[in-house]
N, C-alpha and C. Protein backbone atom coordinates (compact mmCIF):
# COMPACT_ATOMS: atom_id res chain seq x y z
N MET A 1 0.51 -25.29 -18.91
CA MET A 1 1.74 -23.82 -18.84
C MET A 1 0.87 -22.90 -18.36
N ASP A 2 1.85 -21.81 -17.39
CA ASP A 2 1.01 -20.79 -17.02
C ASP A 2 1.34 -19.87 -17.96
N ASP A 3 -0.10 -18.69 -18.52
CA ASP A 3 0.83 -17.47 -19.05
C ASP A 3 0.97 -16.21 -18.72
N VAL A 4 2.01 -16.30 -18.52
CA VAL A 4 2.81 -14.89 -17.51
C VAL A 4 2.34 -13.66 -18.69
N ARG A 5 2.17 -12.72 -18.19
CA ARG A 5 2.63 -11.37 -19.46
C ARG A 5 2.53 -9.78 -18.52
N GLY A 6 3.30 -9.13 -19.08
CA GLY A 6 4.17 -7.86 -18.13
C GLY A 6 3.54 -6.55 -19.29
N GLN A 7 3.29 -5.56 -18.45
CA GLN A 7 2.88 -4.09 -19.29
C GLN A 7 3.54 -2.87 -18.10
N VAL A 8 4.06 -2.46 -18.12
CA VAL A 8 4.84 -1.24 -17.60
C VAL A 8 3.82 0.09 -17.76
N VAL A 9 3.18 0.25 -17.22
CA VAL A 9 2.41 1.20 -17.13
C VAL A 9 2.11 2.60 -15.81
N ASP A 10 2.34 3.59 -15.87
CA ASP A 10 2.82 4.55 -14.93
C ASP A 10 1.09 5.18 -14.63
N VAL A 11 0.92 4.91 -13.76
CA VAL A 11 -0.68 4.69 -12.67
C VAL A 11 -0.87 6.28 -13.03
N THR A 12 -0.18 7.33 -13.30
CA THR A 12 -0.93 8.77 -13.39
C THR A 12 -1.70 9.29 -14.75
N ASP A 13 -0.97 8.35 -15.50
CA ASP A 13 -1.41 8.20 -16.76
C ASP A 13 -2.88 7.15 -16.90
N HIS A 14 -3.81 7.39 -16.47
CA HIS A 14 -4.94 7.23 -16.11
C HIS A 14 -5.62 6.24 -17.82
N PRO A 15 -5.18 7.00 -19.02
CA PRO A 15 -5.91 6.17 -20.26
C PRO A 15 -4.83 4.92 -20.51
N ALA A 16 -3.97 5.04 -19.81
CA ALA A 16 -2.76 3.94 -20.14
C ALA A 16 -3.37 3.05 -19.32
N LEU A 17 -3.49 3.19 -18.37
CA LEU A 17 -3.75 2.56 -17.00
C LEU A 17 -5.42 1.83 -17.05
N ASN A 18 -6.11 2.66 -17.81
CA ASN A 18 -7.45 1.88 -18.70
C ASN A 18 -7.52 0.88 -19.53
N ALA A 19 -6.77 1.35 -20.34
CA ALA A 19 -5.88 0.75 -21.40
C ALA A 19 -5.37 -0.69 -21.33
N ALA A 20 -4.34 -0.46 -20.11
CA ALA A 20 -3.79 -1.94 -20.01
C ALA A 20 -5.10 -2.75 -18.92
N ILE A 21 -5.31 -2.44 -17.73
CA ILE A 21 -6.74 -3.22 -17.63
C ILE A 21 -7.91 -4.49 -18.69
N ASP A 22 -8.16 -2.89 -19.26
CA ASP A 22 -8.71 -3.52 -20.34
C ASP A 22 -8.34 -3.97 -21.10
N ASP A 23 -6.77 -4.37 -21.65
CA ASP A 23 -6.76 -5.38 -22.33
C ASP A 23 -6.46 -6.75 -21.94
N ALA A 24 -6.08 -6.29 -20.47
CA ALA A 24 -6.38 -8.21 -19.77
C ALA A 24 -7.46 -8.90 -19.95
N ALA A 25 -8.63 -7.41 -19.24
CA ALA A 25 -10.03 -8.11 -19.05
C ALA A 25 -10.71 -8.79 -20.63
N HIS A 26 -9.86 -8.23 -21.51
CA HIS A 26 -10.32 -9.06 -22.75
C HIS A 26 -9.48 -10.07 -23.47
N LEU A 27 -8.39 -9.99 -22.96
CA LEU A 27 -7.20 -11.22 -23.16
C LEU A 27 -7.95 -12.25 -22.76
N TYR A 28 -8.53 -12.39 -21.25
CA TYR A 28 -8.41 -13.65 -20.54
C TYR A 28 -10.08 -14.01 -20.48
N ARG A 29 -11.02 -12.82 -21.18
CA ARG A 29 -12.61 -13.05 -21.16
C ARG A 29 -12.97 -12.61 -19.68
N LYS A 30 -12.27 -12.05 -18.91
CA LYS A 30 -13.09 -11.72 -17.47
C LYS A 30 -11.60 -11.28 -16.54
N LEU A 31 -12.20 -10.26 -15.36
CA LEU A 31 -10.79 -9.91 -14.82
C LEU A 31 -11.56 -10.07 -13.03
N ASP A 32 -10.42 -11.33 -12.85
CA ASP A 32 -10.50 -12.17 -11.32
C ASP A 32 -10.08 -11.18 -10.35
N VAL A 33 -8.57 -10.67 -10.46
CA VAL A 33 -8.15 -10.06 -9.22
C VAL A 33 -7.51 -8.98 -9.66
N VAL A 34 -7.82 -7.92 -9.33
CA VAL A 34 -6.65 -6.29 -9.00
C VAL A 34 -5.76 -6.49 -8.06
N PHE A 35 -4.44 -6.31 -7.87
CA PHE A 35 -3.65 -5.40 -6.99
C PHE A 35 -2.95 -4.29 -7.29
N ALA A 36 -3.89 -3.23 -6.19
CA ALA A 36 -3.40 -2.17 -6.68
C ALA A 36 -2.21 -1.49 -5.54
N ASN A 37 -0.92 -1.61 -6.05
CA ASN A 37 0.04 -1.57 -5.06
C ASN A 37 0.90 -0.70 -5.23
N ALA A 38 1.10 0.10 -5.95
CA ALA A 38 1.89 1.48 -6.71
C ALA A 38 1.98 2.24 -5.66
N GLY A 39 3.23 2.65 -5.66
CA GLY A 39 3.72 3.53 -4.60
C GLY A 39 5.05 4.07 -4.29
N ILE A 40 5.21 5.60 -3.98
CA ILE A 40 6.58 6.19 -3.92
C ILE A 40 6.98 6.36 -2.71
N ASP A 41 8.58 6.54 -2.79
CA ASP A 41 9.07 7.16 -1.50
C ASP A 41 8.76 8.44 -0.62
N PRO A 42 8.45 8.25 0.53
CA PRO A 42 7.53 9.46 1.09
C PRO A 42 8.13 10.25 1.54
N GLY A 43 9.96 10.32 1.32
CA GLY A 43 11.07 11.42 1.77
C GLY A 43 10.75 11.91 3.41
N VAL A 44 11.69 12.74 3.60
CA VAL A 44 12.11 12.61 4.81
C VAL A 44 11.06 13.30 5.70
N GLY A 45 11.00 13.02 6.57
CA GLY A 45 9.34 13.82 7.75
C GLY A 45 10.39 14.49 8.85
N PHE A 46 9.65 15.03 9.88
CA PHE A 46 10.28 16.30 10.49
C PHE A 46 11.30 16.06 11.67
N VAL A 47 11.48 14.65 11.52
CA VAL A 47 12.63 14.54 12.71
C VAL A 47 13.16 13.33 11.71
N GLY A 48 14.85 13.26 12.27
CA GLY A 48 15.06 12.22 11.49
C GLY A 48 16.11 10.90 12.48
N GLU A 49 17.27 10.35 12.43
CA GLU A 49 17.84 8.92 13.21
C GLU A 49 17.90 9.50 14.37
N TRP A 50 17.74 8.85 15.60
CA TRP A 50 18.45 8.74 16.86
C TRP A 50 19.38 9.41 16.94
N VAL A 51 19.80 10.18 17.89
CA VAL A 51 21.52 10.20 18.16
C VAL A 51 21.75 10.31 19.16
N GLY A 52 21.82 9.22 20.02
CA GLY A 52 22.09 9.39 21.57
C GLY A 52 19.94 9.02 21.70
N SER A 53 19.69 10.06 22.62
CA SER A 53 18.64 9.87 23.20
C SER A 53 17.88 10.74 22.84
N GLU A 54 18.55 11.78 21.64
CA GLU A 54 17.46 12.83 20.86
C GLU A 54 17.12 12.01 19.86
N ARG A 55 16.35 13.24 18.85
CA ARG A 55 15.63 12.70 17.47
C ARG A 55 15.83 13.99 16.82
N LEU A 56 16.87 14.13 16.38
CA LEU A 56 16.77 15.35 15.39
C LEU A 56 15.82 16.09 15.18
N ARG A 57 15.61 17.50 14.63
CA ARG A 57 14.53 17.56 14.29
C ARG A 57 15.15 17.74 12.35
N VAL A 58 14.45 17.80 11.49
CA VAL A 58 14.71 18.14 10.21
C VAL A 58 14.07 19.29 9.11
N PRO A 59 14.62 20.42 8.82
CA PRO A 59 14.28 21.15 8.40
C PRO A 59 13.61 20.55 7.08
N GLU A 60 13.94 19.77 6.39
CA GLU A 60 13.61 19.85 4.98
C GLU A 60 12.14 19.12 5.10
N GLY A 61 11.95 18.53 6.20
CA GLY A 61 10.28 17.65 6.38
C GLY A 61 9.65 18.89 6.86
N ALA A 62 9.99 19.81 7.86
CA ALA A 62 8.78 20.75 8.28
C ALA A 62 7.83 20.85 7.54
N LEU A 63 6.76 21.23 8.33
CA LEU A 63 5.28 21.43 7.40
C LEU A 63 5.61 22.52 6.38
N GLU A 64 6.07 23.95 6.84
CA GLU A 64 6.40 25.47 6.50
C GLU A 64 7.40 25.13 4.87
N ASN A 65 8.37 23.75 5.09
CA ASN A 65 9.12 23.52 3.95
C ASN A 65 8.55 22.72 3.00
N TYR A 66 7.55 21.94 3.12
CA TYR A 66 6.74 21.04 2.41
C TYR A 66 6.03 21.95 1.41
N THR A 67 6.83 21.57 0.33
CA THR A 67 6.59 22.17 -1.11
C THR A 67 5.18 21.40 -1.95
N ASP A 68 4.30 22.42 -2.85
CA ASP A 68 3.43 21.87 -3.32
C ASP A 68 3.65 20.61 -4.17
N GLU A 69 4.51 20.38 -4.80
CA GLU A 69 5.09 19.59 -5.94
C GLU A 69 5.29 18.41 -5.35
N ARG A 70 6.12 18.12 -3.96
CA ARG A 70 5.91 17.47 -3.02
C ARG A 70 4.97 16.18 -2.51
N TRP A 71 4.31 17.09 -2.24
CA TRP A 71 2.75 16.63 -1.73
C TRP A 71 2.15 15.82 -2.88
N GLU A 72 1.94 16.98 -4.28
CA GLU A 72 1.29 16.53 -5.14
C GLU A 72 1.47 15.25 -5.60
N ARG A 73 2.67 15.15 -6.02
CA ARG A 73 3.27 14.16 -6.26
C ARG A 73 3.20 12.81 -5.70
N LEU A 74 3.08 12.63 -4.66
CA LEU A 74 3.03 11.65 -3.55
C LEU A 74 1.11 11.14 -3.80
N ILE A 75 0.54 12.24 -3.36
CA ILE A 75 -0.84 12.11 -3.20
C ILE A 75 -1.48 11.10 -5.04
N ASP A 76 -0.77 11.88 -5.91
CA ASP A 76 -1.24 11.52 -7.66
C ASP A 76 -0.73 10.22 -7.37
N ILE A 77 0.49 9.82 -6.88
CA ILE A 77 0.91 7.93 -7.17
C ILE A 77 0.34 7.52 -6.01
N ASN A 78 0.58 7.66 -5.02
CA ASN A 78 0.21 6.58 -3.65
C ASN A 78 -1.72 6.26 -3.17
N LEU A 79 -2.22 7.97 -3.52
CA LEU A 79 -3.35 7.40 -3.47
C LEU A 79 -4.64 7.69 -4.78
N THR A 80 -4.13 8.85 -5.40
CA THR A 80 -4.57 8.74 -6.91
C THR A 80 -4.87 7.96 -7.34
N GLY A 81 -3.54 6.96 -7.44
CA GLY A 81 -2.95 5.77 -8.35
C GLY A 81 -3.70 4.54 -8.33
N ILE A 82 -4.15 4.52 -6.53
CA ILE A 82 -4.92 3.50 -6.37
C ILE A 82 -6.32 3.51 -6.90
N PHE A 83 -6.75 4.82 -6.48
CA PHE A 83 -8.45 5.38 -7.18
C PHE A 83 -8.59 5.26 -8.32
N ALA A 84 -7.21 5.17 -8.95
CA ALA A 84 -7.73 5.20 -10.80
C ALA A 84 -7.66 3.74 -11.34
N THR A 85 -6.70 2.86 -10.22
CA THR A 85 -6.39 1.34 -10.64
C THR A 85 -7.76 0.22 -10.54
N VAL A 86 -8.23 0.81 -8.96
CA VAL A 86 -9.39 0.53 -8.65
C VAL A 86 -11.27 0.53 -9.35
N ARG A 87 -10.98 1.66 -10.13
CA ARG A 87 -12.25 1.98 -10.64
C ARG A 87 -12.21 1.44 -11.85
N ALA A 88 -10.86 1.78 -12.55
CA ALA A 88 -11.04 0.42 -14.23
C ALA A 88 -11.32 -0.69 -13.88
N ALA A 89 -10.80 -1.34 -12.21
CA ALA A 89 -11.13 -2.93 -12.37
C ALA A 89 -12.62 -2.86 -11.82
N VAL A 90 -13.17 -2.04 -11.35
CA VAL A 90 -15.11 -1.93 -11.79
C VAL A 90 -15.50 -2.19 -12.81
N ARG A 91 -14.88 -1.45 -13.17
CA ARG A 91 -15.86 -1.12 -14.56
C ARG A 91 -16.11 -2.76 -15.16
N HIS A 92 -14.85 -3.36 -14.98
CA HIS A 92 -15.17 -4.91 -15.56
C HIS A 92 -16.06 -5.87 -14.43
N MET A 93 -15.83 -5.89 -13.14
CA MET A 93 -16.22 -6.63 -12.37
C MET A 93 -17.20 -6.43 -11.78
N LYS A 94 -18.21 -5.13 -12.10
CA LYS A 94 -19.33 -4.59 -11.70
C LYS A 94 -20.25 -5.57 -12.84
N PRO A 95 -20.02 -5.65 -13.95
CA PRO A 95 -20.98 -6.45 -14.82
C PRO A 95 -21.15 -7.78 -14.97
N GLN A 96 -19.53 -8.38 -14.78
CA GLN A 96 -19.55 -9.59 -14.46
C GLN A 96 -20.04 -10.43 -13.13
N LYS A 97 -20.61 -9.66 -12.12
CA LYS A 97 -20.93 -9.94 -10.99
C LYS A 97 -19.29 -10.74 -9.99
N SER A 98 -18.34 -10.45 -10.11
CA SER A 98 -17.27 -11.09 -9.54
C SER A 98 -16.48 -10.55 -9.55
N GLY A 99 -15.18 -10.77 -8.41
CA GLY A 99 -13.89 -10.31 -8.50
C GLY A 99 -13.21 -9.76 -6.44
N HIS A 100 -11.94 -9.72 -7.31
CA HIS A 100 -11.41 -9.82 -5.50
C HIS A 100 -10.50 -8.57 -5.94
N ILE A 101 -10.53 -7.26 -4.91
CA ILE A 101 -9.83 -6.15 -5.39
C ILE A 101 -8.85 -5.90 -4.25
N ILE A 102 -7.36 -6.04 -4.18
CA ILE A 102 -6.33 -6.06 -3.02
C ILE A 102 -5.90 -4.36 -3.41
N VAL A 103 -5.84 -3.77 -1.98
CA VAL A 103 -5.01 -2.62 -2.33
C VAL A 103 -4.05 -2.51 -1.44
N THR A 104 -2.60 -1.52 -0.99
CA THR A 104 -1.84 -1.96 -0.42
C THR A 104 -1.98 -0.48 0.92
N SER A 105 -2.39 -0.45 1.51
CA SER A 105 -2.12 0.49 2.64
C SER A 105 -0.67 0.73 3.47
N SER A 106 -0.63 0.58 4.75
CA SER A 106 0.07 1.19 5.28
C SER A 106 -0.21 1.09 6.91
N LEU A 107 0.22 0.30 7.84
CA LEU A 107 0.82 0.99 8.72
C LEU A 107 0.91 2.09 9.23
N ALA A 108 1.19 3.13 8.34
CA ALA A 108 1.18 4.13 8.79
C ALA A 108 0.26 4.70 8.30
N SER A 109 -1.44 4.07 8.17
CA SER A 109 -2.72 4.73 7.88
C SER A 109 -3.15 4.65 9.25
N THR A 110 -2.72 4.61 10.60
CA THR A 110 -2.97 5.01 11.42
C THR A 110 -1.99 5.23 12.72
N HIS A 111 -0.95 4.78 12.24
CA HIS A 111 0.56 5.03 13.08
C HIS A 111 1.53 6.47 12.53
N VAL A 112 1.53 6.92 13.00
CA VAL A 112 2.27 8.20 12.81
C VAL A 112 3.89 7.68 12.80
N GLU A 113 4.60 7.78 12.14
CA GLU A 113 5.74 7.85 12.01
C GLU A 113 6.44 9.38 11.62
N PRO A 114 6.98 10.11 12.37
CA PRO A 114 7.79 11.42 12.19
C PRO A 114 8.97 11.88 11.67
N ALA A 115 9.52 10.26 11.22
CA ALA A 115 10.84 10.30 9.94
C ALA A 115 9.89 10.27 8.76
N ILE A 116 8.52 10.14 8.33
CA ILE A 116 8.52 10.07 7.05
C ILE A 116 7.16 11.22 7.16
N GLY A 117 7.66 11.36 5.26
CA GLY A 117 6.68 12.96 5.20
C GLY A 117 5.69 12.68 5.17
N ALA A 118 4.68 13.72 5.52
CA ALA A 118 3.70 13.82 6.33
C ALA A 118 2.37 13.22 5.08
N ALA A 119 2.80 13.68 3.81
CA ALA A 119 1.60 13.11 2.79
C ALA A 119 2.02 11.47 2.20
N TYR A 120 2.60 11.16 3.03
CA TYR A 120 2.58 9.27 2.95
C TYR A 120 1.31 9.35 3.81
N MET A 121 1.61 9.71 5.17
CA MET A 121 0.39 9.00 5.95
C MET A 121 -0.94 9.87 5.75
N ALA A 122 -1.08 10.59 5.23
CA ALA A 122 -2.61 11.11 4.57
C ALA A 122 -2.93 10.04 3.08
N ALA A 123 -2.22 9.77 2.97
CA ALA A 123 -2.44 9.29 1.56
C ALA A 123 -3.14 7.54 2.00
N LYS A 124 -2.38 7.07 2.58
CA LYS A 124 -2.27 5.65 3.22
C LYS A 124 -3.94 5.49 3.89
N ALA A 125 -4.28 6.80 5.01
CA ALA A 125 -5.30 6.80 5.88
C ALA A 125 -6.41 7.08 4.91
N GLY A 126 -5.89 7.97 3.73
CA GLY A 126 -7.16 7.66 2.58
C GLY A 126 -7.39 6.91 1.71
N ILE A 127 -6.24 5.67 1.46
CA ILE A 127 -6.57 4.52 1.00
C ILE A 127 -7.58 3.71 1.27
N VAL A 128 -7.06 3.45 3.02
CA VAL A 128 -8.12 3.07 3.33
C VAL A 128 -9.92 3.20 3.70
N GLN A 129 -9.66 4.31 3.78
CA GLN A 129 -11.15 4.79 3.79
C GLN A 129 -12.12 5.10 2.44
N PHE A 130 -11.18 5.14 1.46
CA PHE A 130 -11.73 4.53 -0.08
C PHE A 130 -12.12 3.05 -0.07
N MET A 131 -10.80 2.14 0.07
CA MET A 131 -11.41 1.02 -0.01
C MET A 131 -12.45 0.67 1.02
N ARG A 132 -12.97 1.00 2.21
CA ARG A 132 -13.87 0.96 2.72
C ARG A 132 -15.26 1.55 2.16
N THR A 133 -15.30 2.41 1.46
CA THR A 133 -16.55 3.28 0.85
C THR A 133 -16.69 2.26 -0.46
N VAL A 134 -15.39 1.56 -1.07
CA VAL A 134 -15.90 0.70 -2.22
C VAL A 134 -16.02 -0.34 -2.25
N ALA A 135 -16.09 -0.94 -0.92
CA ALA A 135 -16.02 -2.25 -0.32
C ALA A 135 -17.51 -2.55 -0.16
N MET A 136 -18.17 -1.36 0.52
CA MET A 136 -19.70 -1.15 0.43
C MET A 136 -20.48 -0.90 -1.19
N GLU A 137 -19.95 0.07 -1.60
CA GLU A 137 -20.85 0.08 -3.17
C GLU A 137 -20.63 -1.13 -3.84
N VAL A 138 -19.98 -1.93 -3.78
CA VAL A 138 -19.74 -3.22 -4.73
C VAL A 138 -20.08 -4.56 -4.36
N ALA A 139 -20.18 -4.20 -3.07
CA ALA A 139 -20.28 -5.90 -2.45
C ALA A 139 -21.60 -6.57 -2.70
N ALA A 140 -22.74 -5.60 -3.12
CA ALA A 140 -23.87 -6.08 -3.98
C ALA A 140 -23.53 -6.87 -5.20
N PHE A 141 -22.25 -6.56 -5.71
CA PHE A 141 -21.67 -7.53 -7.15
C PHE A 141 -21.16 -8.71 -6.82
N ASN A 142 -20.74 -8.78 -5.73
CA ASN A 142 -19.67 -10.19 -5.02
C ASN A 142 -18.73 -9.50 -5.43
N ILE A 143 -18.07 -8.78 -5.39
CA ILE A 143 -17.04 -8.21 -5.18
C ILE A 143 -16.31 -7.78 -3.90
N THR A 144 -15.17 -8.16 -3.75
CA THR A 144 -14.73 -8.13 -1.96
C THR A 144 -13.55 -6.70 -2.35
N VAL A 145 -13.14 -6.45 -1.67
CA VAL A 145 -12.17 -5.32 -1.26
C VAL A 145 -11.72 -4.97 -0.33
N ASN A 146 -10.24 -5.09 -0.06
CA ASN A 146 -9.60 -5.54 0.74
C ASN A 146 -8.13 -4.58 0.74
N ALA A 147 -7.56 -4.11 2.33
CA ALA A 147 -6.52 -3.77 2.34
C ALA A 147 -5.13 -4.50 3.04
N ILE A 148 -4.07 -4.55 2.74
CA ILE A 148 -2.77 -5.35 2.96
C ILE A 148 -2.14 -4.30 3.65
N ALA A 149 -1.94 -3.85 4.96
CA ALA A 149 -1.12 -2.92 5.60
C ALA A 149 -0.07 -3.19 6.87
N PRO A 150 1.54 -3.55 5.54
CA PRO A 150 2.51 -3.65 5.96
C PRO A 150 2.79 -2.74 7.18
N GLY A 151 3.81 -3.21 7.81
CA GLY A 151 4.44 -2.21 8.63
C GLY A 151 6.34 -1.79 8.12
N TYR A 152 7.11 -2.53 8.94
CA TYR A 152 8.36 -2.04 8.40
C TYR A 152 8.74 -3.40 7.14
N ILE A 153 8.85 -3.32 6.21
CA ILE A 153 9.31 -4.74 5.58
C ILE A 153 10.77 -4.23 4.55
N VAL A 154 11.15 -4.96 4.12
CA VAL A 154 12.22 -5.10 3.47
C VAL A 154 12.11 -4.63 1.77
N THR A 155 12.26 -3.49 1.37
CA THR A 155 11.81 -3.17 -0.48
C THR A 155 12.70 -2.56 -0.57
N ASN A 156 12.82 -1.87 -1.97
CA ASN A 156 13.65 -0.87 -2.42
C ASN A 156 13.21 0.49 -2.43
N ILE A 157 11.71 0.55 -1.74
CA ILE A 157 11.62 2.12 -1.64
C ILE A 157 12.51 3.23 -0.91
N GLY A 158 12.78 4.19 -1.04
CA GLY A 158 13.72 5.14 -0.13
C GLY A 158 14.81 4.86 -0.66
N GLY A 159 15.19 4.35 -1.81
CA GLY A 159 16.45 4.00 -2.05
C GLY A 159 17.22 2.56 -1.42
N GLY A 160 16.44 2.27 -0.63
CA GLY A 160 16.63 0.68 -0.39
C GLY A 160 17.46 0.80 0.92
N HIS A 161 16.52 1.55 1.78
CA HIS A 161 17.29 1.85 2.97
C HIS A 161 17.27 0.72 4.19
N ALA A 162 16.26 0.32 3.75
CA ALA A 162 16.02 -1.34 4.46
C ALA A 162 17.06 -2.62 4.64
N HIS A 163 17.48 -2.41 3.18
CA HIS A 163 18.46 -3.07 3.30
C HIS A 163 19.65 -3.03 4.52
N ASN A 164 20.06 -2.01 4.83
CA ASN A 164 21.18 -1.66 5.82
C ASN A 164 20.65 -2.52 6.77
N PRO A 165 22.38 -3.73 7.18
CA PRO A 165 21.54 -4.59 8.06
C PRO A 165 21.73 -3.86 9.54
N GLU A 166 22.43 -2.98 9.64
CA GLU A 166 22.02 -2.40 11.07
C GLU A 166 20.83 -1.07 11.11
N GLU A 167 20.52 -0.85 10.00
CA GLU A 167 19.14 -0.18 10.43
C GLU A 167 18.10 -1.58 10.72
N GLN A 168 18.47 -2.71 10.17
CA GLN A 168 17.22 -3.99 10.41
C GLN A 168 17.19 -4.46 12.37
N LYS A 169 18.58 -4.50 12.34
CA LYS A 169 19.07 -4.75 13.48
C LYS A 169 18.27 -3.20 14.53
N ALA A 170 18.16 -2.62 14.46
CA ALA A 170 18.16 -1.07 15.23
C ALA A 170 16.53 -1.39 15.62
N VAL A 171 15.66 -1.54 14.51
CA VAL A 171 14.29 -1.66 13.84
C VAL A 171 13.87 -2.82 14.51
N ALA A 172 14.68 -3.94 14.48
CA ALA A 172 14.03 -5.61 15.51
C ALA A 172 13.73 -4.84 16.37
N LYS A 173 14.71 -4.51 17.24
CA LYS A 173 14.52 -4.20 18.84
C LYS A 173 13.18 -3.73 19.17
N VAL A 174 12.90 -3.00 18.25
CA VAL A 174 11.14 -2.23 18.81
C VAL A 174 10.28 -2.88 18.10
N ILE A 175 10.05 -4.58 17.48
CA ILE A 175 9.31 -5.15 17.10
C ILE A 175 9.02 -6.36 17.77
N PRO A 176 7.70 -6.21 18.76
CA PRO A 176 7.53 -7.50 19.42
C PRO A 176 7.83 -8.61 18.99
N MET A 177 8.13 -9.32 17.54
CA MET A 177 8.28 -10.39 17.43
C MET A 177 10.28 -10.30 17.49
N HIS A 178 10.56 -9.27 17.19
CA HIS A 178 12.04 -9.05 16.99
C HIS A 178 12.39 -9.84 16.15
N ARG A 179 12.22 -9.01 14.82
CA ARG A 179 12.63 -9.31 13.31
C ARG A 179 12.13 -8.67 12.50
N ILE A 180 12.47 -7.92 11.37
CA ILE A 180 11.86 -7.25 10.48
C ILE A 180 10.83 -8.39 9.16
N GLY A 181 10.13 -7.58 8.48
CA GLY A 181 9.59 -8.29 7.81
C GLY A 181 9.97 -7.97 6.30
N PHE A 182 9.81 -9.15 5.53
CA PHE A 182 10.28 -9.27 4.08
C PHE A 182 8.99 -9.45 3.14
N PRO A 183 9.06 -9.35 1.78
CA PRO A 183 7.93 -9.32 0.87
C PRO A 183 7.06 -10.73 1.10
N GLU A 184 8.05 -11.81 1.21
CA GLU A 184 7.51 -13.71 1.25
C GLU A 184 6.72 -13.11 2.81
N ASP A 185 6.37 -12.16 3.81
CA ASP A 185 5.77 -12.54 5.00
C ASP A 185 4.45 -11.65 4.38
N LEU A 186 4.31 -11.15 3.49
CA LEU A 186 2.90 -10.73 2.77
C LEU A 186 2.41 -11.41 1.66
N TYR A 187 3.13 -12.71 1.07
CA TYR A 187 2.79 -13.66 0.20
C TYR A 187 1.24 -14.30 0.63
N GLY A 188 1.27 -15.06 1.44
CA GLY A 188 0.00 -15.43 2.20
C GLY A 188 -1.23 -14.72 2.01
N ILE A 189 -1.21 -13.60 3.00
CA ILE A 189 -2.25 -12.60 3.12
C ILE A 189 -2.74 -12.23 1.55
N ALA A 190 -2.12 -12.11 0.45
CA ALA A 190 -2.56 -11.65 -0.70
C ALA A 190 -2.67 -12.62 -1.66
N LEU A 191 -2.47 -13.97 -1.65
CA LEU A 191 -3.16 -15.10 -1.85
C LEU A 191 -4.30 -15.45 -1.40
N PHE A 192 -4.15 -15.29 -0.08
CA PHE A 192 -5.76 -15.09 0.48
C PHE A 192 -7.17 -14.41 0.25
N LEU A 193 -6.88 -13.13 0.17
CA LEU A 193 -7.47 -12.16 0.06
C LEU A 193 -8.23 -12.01 -2.06
N ALA A 194 -7.08 -13.17 -2.59
CA ALA A 194 -7.03 -13.57 -3.77
C ALA A 194 -8.28 -14.63 -4.52
N SER A 195 -7.89 -14.92 -3.25
CA SER A 195 -8.62 -16.49 -3.63
C SER A 195 -10.37 -16.71 -2.69
N PRO A 196 -10.88 -17.70 -3.24
CA PRO A 196 -11.96 -17.91 -2.88
C PRO A 196 -12.51 -18.37 -1.38
N ALA A 197 -11.40 -18.26 -0.91
CA ALA A 197 -11.36 -18.74 0.62
C ALA A 197 -11.68 -17.43 1.16
N SER A 198 -11.84 -16.00 0.81
CA SER A 198 -11.70 -14.57 0.83
C SER A 198 -13.08 -14.05 1.23
N ASP A 199 -13.99 -14.88 0.16
CA ASP A 199 -15.42 -14.52 -0.26
C ASP A 199 -15.94 -13.99 0.31
N TYR A 200 -16.13 -14.18 1.75
CA TYR A 200 -17.32 -13.40 2.34
C TYR A 200 -16.43 -12.08 3.98
N ILE A 201 -15.26 -12.09 2.65
CA ILE A 201 -14.54 -11.00 3.71
C ILE A 201 -14.33 -9.63 3.05
N THR A 202 -14.60 -8.60 3.66
CA THR A 202 -14.40 -7.11 2.52
C THR A 202 -14.48 -6.06 3.65
N GLY A 203 -14.00 -4.74 3.00
CA GLY A 203 -13.78 -3.75 3.37
C GLY A 203 -12.91 -3.80 4.68
N GLN A 204 -12.25 -4.77 4.75
CA GLN A 204 -10.95 -4.75 5.83
C GLN A 204 -9.90 -4.32 5.45
N GLU A 205 -9.12 -4.04 6.81
CA GLU A 205 -7.53 -3.63 6.38
C GLU A 205 -6.84 -4.63 7.59
N ILE A 206 -6.25 -5.20 6.81
CA ILE A 206 -5.34 -6.19 7.58
C ILE A 206 -4.01 -5.96 7.97
N ILE A 207 -3.29 -5.66 8.83
CA ILE A 207 -2.20 -5.31 8.94
C ILE A 207 -0.97 -6.59 9.28
N ILE A 208 0.18 -6.17 9.10
CA ILE A 208 1.12 -7.24 8.92
C ILE A 208 2.81 -6.74 9.22
N ASP A 209 2.58 -6.36 10.50
CA ASP A 209 3.71 -5.73 11.33
C ASP A 209 4.54 -6.74 12.21
N GLY A 210 4.21 -7.46 12.78
CA GLY A 210 4.88 -8.40 13.87
C GLY A 210 4.83 -7.66 14.88
N GLY A 211 3.38 -7.35 15.04
CA GLY A 211 2.84 -6.33 16.58
C GLY A 211 3.84 -4.95 16.59
N TYR A 212 3.85 -4.71 15.55
CA TYR A 212 5.18 -3.41 15.27
C TYR A 212 4.43 -2.19 16.07
N GLY A 213 2.62 -2.11 15.12
CA GLY A 213 1.90 -1.09 15.93
C GLY A 213 1.68 -1.22 16.94
N LEU A 214 1.41 -2.14 18.16
CA LEU A 214 1.45 -2.30 19.18
C LEU A 214 2.05 -1.83 20.04
N GLY A 215 2.82 -1.89 20.08
CA GLY A 215 4.19 -0.90 21.07
C GLY A 215 5.67 -1.77 20.88
N VAL A 216 6.35 -1.41 21.90
CA VAL A 216 7.20 -1.76 22.36
C VAL A 216 7.06 -3.35 24.05
N ALA A 217 7.83 -3.86 23.42
CA ALA A 217 6.71 -5.49 24.28
C ALA A 217 8.24 -5.56 25.23
N ASP A 218 9.29 -5.56 24.95
CA ASP A 218 10.64 -6.31 25.40
C ASP A 218 11.96 -6.28 25.06
């Protein structure tokens, strides 16, 4: 019978996060896999939805109106939360000389989406370079560190707007595979990166986007 346990932790509370990972490592006597996936809604960007052939500017998302609080909260969770989770994991994996670490970046790490707040792109790009740096540091300890970079995936982030059938239909038109993504589309790569099958892969960002980042095909 599988032993499944859960614990709610705020990734901005680093002592609590450390304690949760320590508890898991001590309970199972080692730490095999850590998946750092926490993130929050980026909020509006400097443009909004298409209106006819135009995309209207959104004053709330303009840089001059971007508040310190909005910037800091997103960076604290989406970037620093990844750092704190990976740091806590490495403390256990280095001594045992094994482990798989997976982080969630995004197509937004390289593909600018003006309808999304700027802090989101900054955080996701930062995650990728952080992942690569850590991968180099811990490779000698037989620890792999890789990133999964989703494109348009239907989740509850942003109030669940991606569940809107009309939005899904519109987005699907500009994705070369002509369909949107769902969490199930990420399961296989996550399991692969957590398994011995990926033991010789590290420092890589793997994009899962149906070709969205390539551009419009037809």
